[in-house]
C-alpha atoms as a PDB file:
ATOM      1  CA  MET A   1       0.000   0.000   0.000  1.00  0.00           C
ATOM      2  CA  LYS A   2       2.863   2.381   0.672  1.00  0.00           C
ATOM      3  CA  ASN A   3       3.998   2.242  -2.977  1.00  0.00           C
ATOM      4  CA  LEU A   4       0.487   3.130  -4.154  1.00  0.00           C
ATOM      5  CA  GLN A   5       0.374   6.088  -1.743  1.00  0.00           C
ATOM      6  CA  GLU A   6       3.789   7.287  -2.928  1.00  0.00           C
ATOM      7  CA  ALA A   7       2.759   6.953  -6.575  1.00  0.00           C
ATOM      8  CA  THR A   8      -0.466   8.890  -5.905  1.00  0.00           C
ATOM      9  CA  GLU A   9       1.447  11.651  -4.136  1.00  0.00           C
ATOM     10  CA  ARG A  10       3.955  11.842  -6.992  1.00  0.00           C
ATOM     11  CA  ILE A  11       1.174  12.062  -9.599  1.00  0.00           C
ATOM     12  CA  CYS A  12      -0.448  14.882  -7.612  1.00  0.00           C
ATOM     13  CA  ASP A  13       2.908  16.648  -7.377  1.00  0.00           C
ATOM     14  CA  LEU A  14       3.410  16.351 -11.137  1.00  0.00           C
ATOM     15  CA  LYS A  15      -0.096  17.681 -11.804  1.00  0.00           C
ATOM     16  CA  GLY A  16       0.603  20.749  -9.678  1.00  0.00           C
ATOM     17  CA  SER A  17       3.891  21.365 -11.476  1.00  0.00           C
ATOM     18  CA  LEU A  18       2.212  20.989 -14.856  1.00  0.00           C
ATOM     19  CA  VAL A  19      -0.525  23.475 -13.966  1.00  0.00           C
ATOM     20  CA  ALA A  20       2.112  25.990 -12.847  1.00  0.00           C
ATOM     21  CA  MET A  21       4.035  25.573 -16.115  1.00  0.00           C
ATOM     22  CA  ASP A  22       0.814  25.940 -18.098  1.00  0.00           C
ATOM     23  CA  ALA A  23       0.041  29.198 -16.282  1.00  0.00           C
ATOM     24  CA  LEU A  24       3.547  30.483 -17.032  1.00  0.00           C
ATOM     25  CA  VAL A  25       3.360  29.628 -20.739  1.00  0.00           C
ATOM     26  CA  THR A  26      -0.089  31.188 -21.047  1.00  0.00           C
ATOM     27  CA  ALA A  27       1.119  34.370 -19.353  1.00  0.00           C
ATOM     28  CA  LEU A  28       4.164  34.550 -21.629  1.00  0.00           C
ATOM     29  CA  ILE A  29       1.984  34.212 -24.716  1.00  0.00           C
ATOM     30  CA  HIS A  30      -0.305  36.975 -23.482  1.00  0.00           C
ATOM     31  CA  VAL A  31       2.547  39.464 -23.007  1.00  0.00           C
ATOM     32  CA  MET A  32       4.497  38.465 -26.109  1.00  0.00           C
ATOM     33  CA  PRO A  33       4.537  41.085 -28.862  1.00  0.00           C
ATOM     34  CA  ARG A  34       2.194  40.168 -31.706  1.00  0.00           C
ATOM     35  CA  GLU A  35       4.940  40.068 -34.308  1.00  0.00           C
ATOM     36  CA  MET A  36       6.775  37.347 -32.375  1.00  0.00           C
ATOM     37  CA  ARG A  37       3.802  34.981 -32.125  1.00  0.00           C
ATOM     38  CA  ALA A  38       4.039  33.702 -35.706  1.00  0.00           C
ATOM     39  CA  GLU A  39       7.660  32.754 -35.122  1.00  0.00           C
ATOM     40  CA  LEU A  40       6.727  31.161 -31.800  1.00  0.00           C
ATOM     41  CA  LEU A  41       3.995  29.101 -33.460  1.00  0.00           C
ATOM     42  CA  SER A  42       6.335  27.869 -36.182  1.00  0.00           C
ATOM     43  CA  THR A  43       9.090  27.026 -33.673  1.00  0.00           C
ATOM     44  CA  PHE A  44       6.642  25.327 -31.315  1.00  0.00           C
ATOM     45  CA  GLU A  45       5.203  23.187 -34.105  1.00  0.00           C
ATOM     46  CA  GLY A  46       8.713  22.103 -35.108  1.00  0.00           C
ATOM     47  CA  HIS A  47       9.641  21.158 -31.555  1.00  0.00           C
ATOM     48  CA  ALA A  48       6.320  19.374 -31.103  1.00  0.00           C
ATOM     49  CA  GLU A  49       7.014  17.292 -34.205  1.00  0.00           C
ATOM     50  CA  VAL A  50      10.414  16.256 -32.837  1.00  0.00           C
ATOM     51  CA  ALA A  51       8.829  15.360 -29.502  1.00  0.00           C
ATOM     52  CA  ARG A  52       6.058  13.439 -31.299  1.00  0.00           C
ATOM     53  CA  ASN A  53       8.635  11.331 -33.143  1.00  0.00           C
ATOM     54  CA  VAL A  54      10.460  10.588 -29.906  1.00  0.00           C
ATOM     55  CA  LEU A  55       7.197   9.586 -28.188  1.00  0.00           C
ATOM     56  CA  LEU A  56       6.187   7.322 -31.059  1.00  0.00           C
ATOM     57  CA  HIS A  57       9.475   5.425 -30.809  1.00  0.00           C
ATOM     58  CA  THR A  58       9.462   5.117 -27.027  1.00  0.00           C
ATOM     59  CA  PRO A  59       7.596   2.610 -24.879  1.00  0.00           C
ATOM     60  CA  ILE A  60       5.004   5.011 -23.486  1.00  0.00           C
ATOM     61  CA  SER A  61       1.330   4.888 -22.596  1.00  0.00           C
ATOM     62  CA  GLU A  62      -1.246   5.798 -25.218  1.00  0.00           C
ATOM     63  CA  HIS A  63      -2.712   8.084 -22.544  1.00  0.00           C
ATOM     64  CA  SER A  64       0.522  10.071 -22.530  1.00  0.00           C
ATOM     65  CA  ILE A  65       0.548  10.380 -26.306  1.00  0.00           C
ATOM     66  CA  ALA A  66      -3.109  11.455 -26.342  1.00  0.00           C
ATOM     67  CA  ALA A  67      -2.445  14.076 -23.651  1.00  0.00           C
ATOM     68  CA  PHE A  68       0.566  15.347 -25.603  1.00  0.00           C
ATOM     69  CA  GLU A  69      -1.475  15.702 -28.795  1.00  0.00           C
ATOM     70  CA  ARG A  70      -4.349  17.417 -26.956  1.00  0.00           C
ATOM     71  CA  ASP A  71      -2.040  19.941 -25.318  1.00  0.00           C
ATOM     72  CA  VAL A  72      -0.099  20.619 -28.522  1.00  0.00           C
ATOM     73  CA  ARG A  73      -3.412  21.436 -30.257  1.00  0.00           C
ATOM     74  CA  ARG A  74      -4.507  23.619 -27.342  1.00  0.00           C
ATOM     75  CA  THR A  75      -1.208  25.494 -27.168  1.00  0.00           C
ATOM     76  CA  SER A  76      -1.056  25.984 -30.934  1.00  0.00           C
ATOM     77  CA  ALA A  77      -4.590  27.383 -30.857  1.00  0.00           C
ATOM     78  CA  LEU A  78      -3.685  29.669 -27.958  1.00  0.00           C
ATOM     79  CA  ILE A  79      -0.653  31.038 -29.813  1.00  0.00           C
ATOM     80  CA  GLY A  80      -2.578  31.321 -33.069  1.00  0.00           C
ATOM     81  CA  ALA A  81      -5.564  33.010 -31.459  1.00  0.00           C
ATOM     82  CA  HIS A  82      -3.339  35.651 -29.938  1.00  0.00           C
ATOM     83  CA  HIS A  83      -1.373  35.975 -33.164  1.00  0.00           C
ATOM     84  CA  HIS A  84      -4.531  37.091 -34.980  1.00  0.00           C
ATOM     85  CA  LEU A  85      -5.686  39.564 -32.327  1.00  0.00           C
ATOM     86  CA  THR A  86      -5.648  43.248 -32.987  1.00  0.00           C
ATOM     87  CA  PRO A  87      -4.121  45.385 -30.225  1.00  0.00           C
ATOM     88  CA  THR A  88      -7.563  46.548 -29.028  1.00  0.00           C
ATOM     89  CA  SER A  89      -9.305  43.153 -29.147  1.00  0.00           C
ATOM     90  CA  ARG A  90      -7.302  41.672 -26.264  1.00  0.00           C
ATOM     91  CA  HIS A  91      -9.258  43.532 -23.619  1.00  0.00           C
END
């Protein structure tokens, strides 16, 4: 039972860390100058493709791959949505 408790605590710890990183990335996107967002989107998509290839050739859970794909889509949409905003439409 102790191993299950430790695993549960570790998963909870990782979730908290992930939420904090998500908040940081979202904040950075919001303050990033509009002209940099297109470059960010292109760079992010390239890095995501590299990560995708690594994941597909690694023994990893399908749940992890599905979560990766979901969050890549969400982040790309977040960057793209802000990339198309006019300066007055943010508020």
